[in-house]
Each structure stands twice: as structure tokens, then as C-alpha cells.
C-alpha atoms as a PDB file:
ATOM      1  CA  MET A   1      91.621 102.502  89.871  1.00  0.00           C
ATOM      2  CA  ARG A   2      94.957 101.459  88.550  1.00  0.00           C
ATOM      3  CA  ALA A   3      98.233 103.179  89.201  1.00  0.00           C
ATOM      4  CA  LEU A   4     101.785 102.639  88.086  1.00  0.00           C
ATOM      5  CA  LEU A   5     104.239 104.163  90.541  1.00  0.00           C
ATOM      6  CA  GLN A   6     107.814 104.893  89.601  1.00  0.00           C
ATOM      7  CA  ARG A   7     110.264 106.109  92.190  1.00  0.00           C
ATOM      8  CA  VAL A   8     112.093 109.005  90.553  1.00  0.00           C
ATOM      9  CA  THR A   9     114.815 111.495  91.236  1.00  0.00           C
ATOM     10  CA  GLU A  10     112.896 113.859  88.958  1.00  0.00           C
ATOM     11  CA  ALA A  11     110.004 113.837  86.512  1.00  0.00           C
ATOM     12  CA  SER A  12     108.208 116.348  84.332  1.00  0.00           C
ATOM     13  CA  VAL A  13     105.361 116.480  81.864  1.00  0.00           C
ATOM     14  CA  THR A  14     105.140 118.863  78.935  1.00  0.00           C
ATOM     15  CA  VAL A  15     102.304 119.769  76.612  1.00  0.00           C
ATOM     16  CA  GLU A  16     103.140 121.521  73.352  1.00  0.00           C
ATOM     17  CA  GLY A  17     106.631 122.300  74.640  1.00  0.00           C
ATOM     18  CA  GLU A  18     105.443 123.836  77.930  1.00  0.00           C
ATOM     19  CA  THR A  19     106.101 122.155  81.285  1.00  0.00           C
ATOM     20  CA  VAL A  20     102.752 121.724  83.020  1.00  0.00           C
ATOM     21  CA  GLY A  21     103.876 119.623  85.985  1.00  0.00           C
ATOM     22  CA  GLN A  22     107.027 118.342  87.628  1.00  0.00           C
ATOM     23  CA  CYS A  23     108.432 116.784  90.770  1.00  0.00           C
ATOM     24  CA  GLY A  24     111.783 116.319  92.403  1.00  0.00           C
ATOM     25  CA  PRO A  25     112.668 113.176  94.308  1.00  0.00           C
ATOM     26  CA  GLY A  26     109.486 111.189  94.857  1.00  0.00           C
ATOM     27  CA  LEU A  27     106.989 109.403  92.651  1.00  0.00           C
ATOM     28  CA  LEU A  28     105.726 109.606  89.108  1.00  0.00           C
ATOM     29  CA  ILE A  29     102.199 108.186  89.349  1.00  0.00           C
ATOM     30  CA  LEU A  30     100.371 107.133  86.191  1.00  0.00           C
ATOM     31  CA  VAL A  31      96.672 106.781  87.042  1.00  0.00           C
ATOM     32  CA  CYS A  32      93.724 105.155  85.271  1.00  0.00           C
ATOM     33  CA  ALA A  33      90.146 105.373  86.495  1.00  0.00           C
ATOM     34  CA  MET A  34      88.012 102.305  85.837  1.00  0.00           C
ATOM     35  CA  PRO A  35      84.218 101.957  85.571  1.00  0.00           C
ATOM     36  CA  GLY A  36      82.676 101.834  89.025  1.00  0.00           C
ATOM     37  CA  ASP A  37      85.452 103.821  90.690  1.00  0.00           C
ATOM     38  CA  THR A  38      84.301 106.525  93.087  1.00  0.00           C
ATOM     39  CA  TYR A  39      85.752 109.314  95.197  1.00  0.00           C
ATOM     40  CA  ASP A  40      86.249 106.715  97.943  1.00  0.00           C
ATOM     41  CA  THR A  41      88.303 104.593  95.526  1.00  0.00           C
ATOM     42  CA  ALA A  42      90.490 107.576  94.631  1.00  0.00           C
ATOM     43  CA  LYS A  43      90.936 108.494  98.299  1.00  0.00           C
ATOM     44  CA  ALA A  44      91.806 104.901  99.293  1.00  0.00           C
ATOM     45  CA  LEU A  45      94.384 104.665  96.505  1.00  0.00           C
ATOM     46  CA  ALA A  46      95.931 107.983  97.547  1.00  0.00           C
ATOM     47  CA  THR A  47      96.128 106.780 101.136  1.00  0.00           C
ATOM     48  CA  LYS A  48      97.834 103.554 100.049  1.00  0.00           C
ATOM     49  CA  VAL A  49     100.331 105.442  97.873  1.00  0.00           C
ATOM     50  CA  SER A  50     101.142 107.915 100.643  1.00  0.00           C
ATOM     51  CA  LYS A  51     101.965 105.102 103.085  1.00  0.00           C
ATOM     52  CA  LEU A  52     103.844 102.690 100.824  1.00  0.00           C
ATOM     53  CA  ARG A  53     107.399 102.278 102.050  1.00  0.00           C
ATOM     54  CA  LEU A  54     109.271 102.716  98.779  1.00  0.00           C
ATOM     55  CA  PHE A  55     112.142 104.928  99.903  1.00  0.00           C
ATOM     56  CA  LYS A  56     115.407 103.932 101.546  1.00  0.00           C
ATOM     57  CA  ASP A  57     116.225 104.692 105.155  1.00  0.00           C
ATOM     58  CA  ASP A  58     119.732 105.383 106.442  1.00  0.00           C
ATOM     59  CA  ALA A  59     120.481 101.649 106.379  1.00  0.00           C
ATOM     60  CA  GLY A  60     119.505 101.382 102.700  1.00  0.00           C
ATOM     61  CA  LYS A  61     116.266  99.468 103.399  1.00  0.00           C
ATOM     62  CA  MET A  62     112.957 100.444 101.778  1.00  0.00           C
ATOM     63  CA  ASN A  63     111.356 101.568 105.025  1.00  0.00           C
ATOM     64  CA  LEU A  64     110.152 105.111 104.341  1.00  0.00           C
ATOM     65  CA  SER A  65     107.035 106.477 102.680  1.00  0.00           C
ATOM     66  CA  ILE A  66     106.834 109.549 100.472  1.00  0.00           C
ATOM     67  CA  LEU A  67     105.332 111.349 103.468  1.00  0.00           C
ATOM     68  CA  GLN A  68     108.282 110.445 105.664  1.00  0.00           C
ATOM     69  CA  THR A  69     110.850 111.581 103.088  1.00  0.00           C
ATOM     70  CA  GLY A  70     109.053 114.810 102.165  1.00  0.00           C
ATOM     71  CA  GLY A  71     109.126 113.710  98.541  1.00  0.00           C
ATOM     72  CA  SER A  72     106.799 115.039  95.882  1.00  0.00           C
ATOM     73  CA  ALA A  73     104.598 113.420  93.250  1.00  0.00           C
ATOM     74  CA  LEU A  74     103.728 113.996  89.628  1.00  0.00           C
ATOM     75  CA  VAL A  75     100.312 112.526  88.796  1.00  0.00           C
ATOM     76  CA  VAL A  76      99.578 111.805  85.140  1.00  0.00           C
ATOM     77  CA  SER A  77      96.322 110.424  83.766  1.00  0.00           C
ATOM     78  CA  GLN A  78      96.895 107.364  81.572  1.00  0.00           C
ATOM     79  CA  PHE A  79      93.840 105.507  80.300  1.00  0.00           C
ATOM     80  CA  THR A  80      96.102 103.012  78.528  1.00  0.00           C
ATOM     81  CA  LEU A  81      96.629 101.236  81.860  1.00  0.00           C
ATOM     82  CA  ALA A  82      93.200  99.728  81.120  1.00  0.00           C
ATOM     83  CA  ALA A  83      94.460  98.115  77.906  1.00  0.00           C
ATOM     84  CA  ASP A  84      92.878  94.802  76.987  1.00  0.00           C
ATOM     85  CA  THR A  85      95.264  92.788  74.834  1.00  0.00           C
ATOM     86  CA  SER A  86      93.378  89.491  74.985  1.00  0.00           C
ATOM     87  CA  ARG A  87      91.975  89.732  71.455  1.00  0.00           C
ATOM     88  CA  GLY A  88      94.314  90.308  68.545  1.00  0.00           C
ATOM     89  CA  ASN A  89      97.207  92.711  68.394  1.00  0.00           C
ATOM     90  CA  ARG A  90      95.448  96.035  68.824  1.00  0.00           C
ATOM     91  CA  PRO A  91      94.731  96.919  72.470  1.00  0.00           C
ATOM     92  CA  GLY A  92      91.206  97.900  73.441  1.00  0.00           C
ATOM     93  CA  PHE A  93      90.522 100.564  76.034  1.00  0.00           C
ATOM     94  CA  SER A  94      86.824 100.089  76.749  1.00  0.00           C
ATOM     95  CA  GLY A  95      87.783  99.030  80.292  1.00  0.00           C
ATOM     96  CA  ALA A  96      88.709 102.607  81.209  1.00  0.00           C
ATOM     97  CA  ALA A  97      86.189 104.966  82.776  1.00  0.00           C
ATOM     98  CA  LYS A  98      84.456 107.451  80.471  1.00  0.00           C
ATOM     99  CA  PRO A  99      86.528 110.634  80.038  1.00  0.00           C
ATOM    100  CA  GLU A 100      84.209 112.860  82.122  1.00  0.00           C
ATOM    101  CA  GLU A 101      84.319 110.451  85.067  1.00  0.00           C
ATOM    102  CA  ALA A 102      88.005 109.682  84.599  1.00  0.00           C
ATOM    103  CA  GLU A 103      89.047 113.329  84.731  1.00  0.00           C
ATOM    104  CA  THR A 104      87.097 113.924  87.933  1.00  0.00           C
ATOM    105  CA  LEU A 105      88.559 110.823  89.604  1.00  0.00           C
ATOM    106  CA  TYR A 106      92.094 111.638  88.448  1.00  0.00           C
ATOM    107  CA  LEU A 107      91.832 115.117  89.942  1.00  0.00           C
ATOM    108  CA  GLN A 108      90.241 113.734  93.119  1.00  0.00           C
ATOM    109  CA  PHE A 109      93.166 111.320  93.478  1.00  0.00           C
ATOM    110  CA  ALA A 110      95.700 114.164  93.164  1.00  0.00           C
ATOM    111  CA  HIS A 111      93.688 116.295  95.594  1.00  0.00           C
ATOM    112  CA  ALA A 112      93.502 113.416  98.096  1.00  0.00           C
ATOM    113  CA  LEU A 113      97.299 113.043  97.930  1.00  0.00           C
ATOM    114  CA  ARG A 114      97.651 116.746  98.704  1.00  0.00           C
ATOM    115  CA  ASP A 115      95.167 116.460 101.579  1.00  0.00           C
ATOM    116  CA  LEU A 116      97.381 113.720 103.024  1.00  0.00           C
ATOM    117  CA  GLY A 117     100.388 116.037 102.922  1.00  0.00           C
ATOM    118  CA  VAL A 118     102.068 114.994  99.667  1.00  0.00           C
ATOM    119  CA  THR A 119     103.145 117.831  97.372  1.00  0.00           C
ATOM    120  CA  ALA A 120     101.607 116.808  94.046  1.00  0.00           C
ATOM    121  CA  GLU A 121     101.459 118.324  90.589  1.00  0.00           C
ATOM    122  CA  THR A 122      99.533 116.954  87.623  1.00  0.00           C
ATOM    123  CA  GLY A 123      99.707 116.589  83.893  1.00  0.00           C
ATOM    124  CA  GLN A 124      96.940 117.846  81.623  1.00  0.00           C
ATOM    125  CA  PHE A 125      94.018 115.462  81.258  1.00  0.00           C
ATOM    126  CA  GLY A 126      93.307 114.387  77.683  1.00  0.00           C
ATOM    127  CA  ALA A 127      96.336 116.138  76.201  1.00  0.00           C
ATOM    128  CA  GLU A 128      99.177 114.633  74.205  1.00  0.00           C
ATOM    129  CA  MET A 129     101.826 114.738  76.899  1.00  0.00           C
ATOM    130  CA  SER A 130     105.533 114.097  76.907  1.00  0.00           C
ATOM    131  CA  VAL A 131     106.678 112.607  80.200  1.00  0.00           C
ATOM    132  CA  ALA A 132     110.346 112.672  81.181  1.00  0.00           C
ATOM    133  CA  LEU A 133     111.701 110.896  84.228  1.00  0.00           C
ATOM    134  CA  THR A 134     114.771 109.549  85.873  1.00  0.00           C
ATOM    135  CA  ASN A 135     113.725 106.277  87.476  1.00  0.00           C
ATOM    136  CA  ASP A 136     115.415 105.734  90.824  1.00  0.00           C
ATOM    137  CA  GLY A 137     116.372 102.132  91.446  1.00  0.00           C
ATOM    138  CA  PRO A 138     114.691 101.357  89.138  1.00  0.00           C
ATOM    139  CA  LEU A 139     111.612 100.849  91.260  1.00  0.00           C
ATOM    140  CA  THR A 140     108.209 100.432  89.611  1.00  0.00           C
ATOM    141  CA  ILE A 141     105.061  99.252  91.418  1.00  0.00           C
ATOM    142  CA  TRP A 142     101.662  98.338  89.943  1.00  0.00           C
ATOM    143  CA  LEU A 143      98.575  98.986  92.084  1.00  0.00           C
ATOM    144  CA  ASP A 144      95.034  97.952  91.255  1.00  0.00           C
ATOM    145  CA  THR A 145      92.228  98.680  93.711  1.00  0.00           C
ATOM    146  CA  GLU A 146      90.287  95.709  92.315  1.00  0.00           C
ATOM    147  CA  ALA A 147      93.132  93.392  93.291  1.00  0.00           C
ATOM    148  CA  GLY A 148      93.156  94.685  96.862  1.00  0.00           C
END
């Protein structure tokens, strides 16, 4: 799985003008399931995200995890994280998991975050979504379970 984490002061996702998910201070997490990913992959990624020390402590050092700060997460499915731009100028997305598998894994990732104690809302899989955020830092981290 691939994930792009953005530390935010707030984030929301709307579909057809209706807010379907939001979070306060915490993380906006864009997630892409890849072929071969499993529930264990989703759970391992959620565990990694929940423990990453991306938030400042009292001394201003990035020493705290989302769990330690009580922050929340907004999880949005984004198959375009699997973009292949190696041939020509039009990205290919055949490296993303099939939609049926991707939706299941995306929801399993969000559920695993919740099981770990992170308050997490989601976007709407497969919908045209509008994502709004205020990036805090800015701080943006790329995670890929294939890369370790």
C-alpha cells in the first residue's frame, strides 16, 4: 500500500457539495492499495502511521505520534498514487489494485487505525471528491509498504 500523510490543522472531503468526512488537528491520509496487498498490509500500514512521531512536543521537536496527541485522521482513497509516468506524458494507473480489492483494503486500513485508537473518518470510495486542508508545517510524508 502507498500512503501520503499530511499533517493538518483541519481537513475535509466533500462529495456533491456535502461533507462526508473531516478531521481536526491530525493527519490527512491519502491511501492507494496495490496488487498483492492484504489485510495484513493494511494493518501494518495503520500501525506504522499511528506510531510515526510527526507532531511537536513542548520543546518543538517532532516527538509525538497521532495517538499521543489525540489527533484525528481523514482517510481518502486515491488510486492516482499508483501513477506510472515512465512512458509518455499520460500517467497509467494499472499498478493500482482492482477497485473491488482497493475499496476493501482502504476500509480495512481506516478500521485498523480506529482499532489502534485513532479517531478516523473517510471519504467516499470511487466518488469525485473535493478535499480541503490546511497543511501544518508543511509536513508531508510518503509511505510505501513495498519500500519497507
